[in-house]
Amino acid sequence: MSIAIKCKKFDYLPKEYKENLISLTSEVIKSPSKYGHGDNGVKTFITNLSDNINGSEITDVNTKC
């Protein structure tokens, strides 16, 4: 997560990090119970990813994905 804190914005993250964040978050959203998450976790992951992609300052990333 230290990379995300240093970058402040999703656009500033390394390309591979952005791609993995989207891909892995999508995978967990698709099958949350497979990864030990429930509905509330899914909602949080969606909100975090949306905030990150839409230009909000990064306050949290889906590191659990």
Protein backbone atom coordinates (compact mmCIF):
# COMPACT_ATOMS: atom_id res chain seq x y z
CA MET A 1 0.00 0.00 0.00
CA SER A 2 2.94 2.37 0.40
CA ILE A 3 3.10 2.83 -3.38
CA ALA A 4 -0.52 4.00 -3.40
CA ILE A 5 0.08 6.44 -0.57
CA LYS A 6 3.09 7.93 -2.34
CA CYS A 7 1.22 8.33 -5.62
CA LYS A 8 -1.89 10.05 -4.22
CA LYS A 9 -3.86 9.51 -7.48
CA PHE A 10 -4.70 6.35 -9.42
CA ASP A 11 -3.28 7.85 -12.62
CA TYR A 12 0.12 8.19 -10.94
CA LEU A 13 0.37 4.50 -10.06
CA PRO A 14 2.61 2.26 -12.18
CA LYS A 15 0.73 0.72 -15.13
CA GLU A 16 1.14 -2.84 -13.85
CA TYR A 17 -0.19 -1.86 -10.41
CA LYS A 18 -3.28 -0.24 -11.94
CA GLU A 19 -3.96 -3.22 -14.18
CA ASN A 20 -3.57 -5.70 -11.32
CA LEU A 21 -5.74 -3.63 -9.00
CA ILE A 22 -8.59 -3.61 -11.52
CA SER A 23 -8.16 -7.26 -12.51
CA LEU A 24 -7.84 -8.67 -9.00
CA THR A 25 -10.62 -6.51 -7.58
CA SER A 26 -12.88 -7.72 -10.39
CA GLU A 27 -12.01 -11.32 -9.61
CA VAL A 28 -12.88 -10.92 -5.93
CA ILE A 29 -16.11 -9.08 -6.75
CA LYS A 30 -17.10 -11.93 -9.06
CA SER A 31 -16.58 -14.63 -6.41
CA PRO A 32 -16.28 -12.98 -2.99
CA SER A 33 -16.93 -16.09 -0.90
CA LYS A 34 -14.13 -17.91 -2.72
CA TYR A 35 -11.75 -15.31 -1.26
CA GLY A 36 -13.38 -15.10 2.17
CA HIS A 37 -15.33 -11.88 1.63
CA GLY A 38 -19.01 -11.06 2.07
CA ASP A 39 -21.42 -8.58 0.53
CA ASN A 40 -20.17 -5.65 2.61
CA GLY A 41 -16.61 -6.29 1.49
CA VAL A 42 -17.72 -6.33 -2.14
CA LYS A 43 -19.47 -2.98 -1.72
CA THR A 44 -16.33 -1.51 -0.17
CA PHE A 45 -14.11 -2.88 -2.95
CA ILE A 46 -16.40 -1.40 -5.62
CA THR A 47 -16.52 1.98 -3.88
CA ASN A 48 -12.73 2.10 -3.39
CA LEU A 49 -11.97 1.15 -6.98
CA SER A 50 -14.51 3.63 -8.33
CA ASP A 51 -13.11 6.42 -6.17
CA ASN A 52 -9.56 5.55 -7.24
CA ILE A 53 -10.34 5.42 -10.96
CA ASN A 54 -12.51 8.53 -10.95
CA GLY A 55 -9.77 10.80 -9.69
CA SER A 56 -10.34 11.00 -5.96
CA GLU A 57 -7.22 11.19 -3.86
CA ILE A 58 -6.23 7.70 -2.87
CA THR A 59 -7.18 7.07 0.73
CA ASP A 60 -7.56 3.32 0.39
CA VAL A 61 -6.82 0.65 -2.22
CA ASN A 62 -8.13 -2.88 -2.39
CA THR A 63 -5.01 -4.53 -1.01
CA LYS A 64 -7.10 -7.46 0.26
CA CYS A 65 -7.80 -8.36 -3.37
